[in-house]
Amino acid sequence: MLSEKQVDAVEETAAELKRRREHRPAEALKQKPEAVAGADKKAGDDAAWARANLRYDGDEPYLDIANALRVLSRHDDFQGRFKYNETLAKVMDKGTVMLDWRVAELVSVFQERFLPGIPVEAVNHALVIHANHAIQKK
């Protein structure tokens, strides 16, 4: 039987997945072009942030642990979210254990917004390092 916390986590995840499934190009949803302009602006903001904060080799960002650490430590969306739980030997995201699928989801966000093609291992290693640094700062 699931605990109340687990049920809440499942419901939260289902709501997030529903929101993501509904995210389609304007033509598919027959939305007005203004809706796409907002998405383009966000993509432009992410690209500008990446250019200002990440290390690049010419026009391409390095797909390494160092750049993943920069995203986790410098971007407002990720600051203060992750802590390492030594008892569980797991990274926590605002109190929720980062299971493999949650790490994969985080990697997809990195790939979509900042570092296309970054390997799962690089983000996972950066996540553990970042989370450990977060608990050491206390």
Protein backbone atom coordinates (compact mmCIF):
# COMPACT_ATOMS: atom_id res chain seq x y z
CA MET A 1 0.00 0.00 0.00
CA LEU A 2 1.29 3.47 -0.88
CA SER A 3 1.85 6.10 1.76
CA GLU A 4 0.21 9.50 1.49
CA LYS A 5 3.56 11.03 0.47
CA GLN A 6 3.99 8.48 -2.30
CA VAL A 7 0.46 9.10 -3.58
CA ASP A 8 1.13 12.86 -3.60
CA ALA A 9 4.39 12.30 -5.49
CA VAL A 10 2.63 10.12 -8.09
CA GLU A 11 -0.13 12.71 -8.55
CA GLU A 12 2.44 15.50 -8.89
CA THR A 13 4.38 13.50 -11.45
CA ALA A 14 1.22 12.68 -13.41
CA ALA A 15 0.26 16.35 -13.52
CA GLU A 16 3.73 17.31 -14.74
CA LEU A 17 3.70 14.65 -17.45
CA LYS A 18 0.24 15.78 -18.58
CA ARG A 19 1.47 19.35 -18.80
CA ARG A 20 4.46 18.25 -20.87
CA ARG A 21 2.38 16.08 -23.21
CA GLU A 22 0.12 19.05 -23.91
CA HIS A 23 3.12 21.17 -24.93
CA ARG A 24 2.92 21.05 -28.73
CA PRO A 25 3.86 23.41 -31.56
CA ALA A 26 1.29 26.10 -32.31
CA GLU A 27 0.15 24.37 -35.53
CA ALA A 28 -0.66 21.14 -33.70
CA LEU A 29 -2.76 22.93 -31.09
CA LYS A 30 -4.06 25.56 -33.52
CA GLN A 31 -2.86 28.29 -31.19
CA LYS A 32 -2.21 31.86 -32.13
CA PRO A 33 1.38 32.66 -33.16
CA GLU A 34 1.84 34.79 -30.01
CA ALA A 35 2.01 31.57 -27.98
CA VAL A 36 4.99 30.44 -30.04
CA ALA A 37 6.68 33.82 -29.62
CA GLY A 38 6.75 33.26 -25.84
CA ALA A 39 8.41 29.87 -26.31
CA ASP A 40 10.92 31.38 -28.73
CA LYS A 41 11.75 34.09 -26.19
CA LYS A 42 12.38 31.48 -23.48
CA ALA A 43 14.62 29.50 -25.84
CA GLY A 44 16.47 32.71 -26.67
CA ASP A 45 16.86 33.51 -22.97
CA ASP A 46 18.28 30.02 -22.33
CA ALA A 47 20.71 30.37 -25.24
CA ALA A 48 21.87 33.78 -23.98
CA TRP A 49 22.27 32.43 -20.45
CA ALA A 50 24.26 29.45 -21.76
CA ARG A 51 26.51 31.70 -23.84
CA ALA A 52 27.22 33.90 -20.80
CA ASN A 53 27.77 31.10 -18.26
CA LEU A 54 29.04 27.95 -19.99
CA ARG A 55 32.35 27.02 -21.56
CA TYR A 56 32.35 26.76 -25.35
CA ASP A 57 34.55 25.26 -28.03
CA GLY A 58 33.79 27.62 -30.90
CA ASP A 59 30.01 27.59 -31.34
CA GLU A 60 29.36 24.40 -29.35
CA PRO A 61 29.29 24.09 -25.55
CA TYR A 62 31.47 21.45 -23.94
CA LEU A 63 29.30 18.47 -23.02
CA ASP A 64 31.08 17.71 -19.78
CA ILE A 65 30.66 17.58 -16.02
CA ALA A 66 32.06 21.09 -15.55
CA ASN A 67 29.36 22.68 -17.72
CA ALA A 68 26.65 20.59 -16.05
CA LEU A 69 27.93 21.83 -12.68
CA ARG A 70 27.75 25.41 -13.96
CA VAL A 71 24.07 24.95 -14.87
CA LEU A 72 23.26 23.44 -11.47
CA SER A 73 25.12 26.07 -9.47
CA ARG A 74 24.44 29.20 -11.51
CA HIS A 75 20.97 28.91 -13.06
CA ASP A 76 18.06 30.18 -10.94
CA ASP A 77 15.90 27.15 -11.81
CA PHE A 78 18.34 24.78 -10.07
CA GLN A 79 19.94 26.76 -7.24
CA GLY A 80 19.10 25.34 -3.80
CA ARG A 81 17.13 22.39 -5.15
CA PHE A 82 19.52 19.48 -4.67
CA LYS A 83 21.06 18.10 -1.47
CA TYR A 84 22.85 14.81 -0.83
CA ASN A 85 21.33 12.48 1.79
CA GLU A 86 24.18 10.47 3.28
CA THR A 87 21.85 8.02 5.03
CA LEU A 88 20.15 7.06 1.76
CA ALA A 89 23.26 7.69 -0.35
CA LYS A 90 21.00 9.51 -2.81
CA VAL A 91 20.52 13.01 -4.13
CA MET A 92 17.34 14.72 -2.97
CA ASP A 93 15.40 17.27 -5.02
CA LYS A 94 13.52 19.45 -2.51
CA GLY A 95 13.11 16.39 -0.27
CA THR A 96 12.27 13.90 -3.04
CA VAL A 97 14.72 11.10 -3.83
CA MET A 98 16.25 11.46 -7.29
CA LEU A 99 15.44 8.05 -8.75
CA ASP A 100 16.87 7.05 -12.13
CA TRP A 101 13.85 8.36 -14.03
CA ARG A 102 14.10 11.74 -12.26
CA VAL A 103 17.77 11.99 -13.21
CA ALA A 104 16.86 11.10 -16.81
CA GLU A 105 14.20 13.81 -16.75
CA LEU A 106 16.77 16.35 -15.50
CA VAL A 107 19.14 15.27 -18.29
CA SER A 108 16.40 15.87 -20.85
CA VAL A 109 15.94 19.41 -19.49
CA PHE A 110 19.69 20.02 -19.78
CA GLN A 111 19.70 18.63 -23.33
CA GLU A 112 16.70 20.67 -24.41
CA ARG A 113 17.64 23.96 -22.80
CA PHE A 114 21.42 24.20 -22.43
CA LEU A 115 23.62 21.29 -23.52
CA PRO A 116 22.24 19.28 -26.47
CA GLY A 117 23.75 15.80 -26.45
CA ILE A 118 25.22 15.83 -22.93
CA PRO A 119 25.48 12.24 -21.67
CA VAL A 120 23.42 11.03 -18.72
CA GLU A 121 26.59 10.08 -16.85
CA ALA A 122 27.98 13.63 -17.00
CA VAL A 123 24.80 15.16 -15.56
CA ASN A 124 24.51 12.41 -12.93
CA HIS A 125 28.11 12.96 -11.77
CA ALA A 126 27.59 16.74 -11.71
CA LEU A 127 24.37 16.28 -9.73
CA VAL A 128 26.11 14.20 -7.04
CA ILE A 129 29.01 16.68 -6.81
CA HIS A 130 26.65 19.66 -6.64
CA ALA A 131 24.43 18.00 -4.01
CA ASN A 132 27.45 17.15 -1.86
CA HIS A 133 28.71 20.73 -2.08
CA ALA A 134 25.27 21.94 -1.00
CA ILE A 135 25.34 19.96 2.26
CA GLN A 136 28.95 20.97 2.98
CA LYS A 137 28.02 24.67 2.85
CA LYS A 138 25.73 24.33 5.87
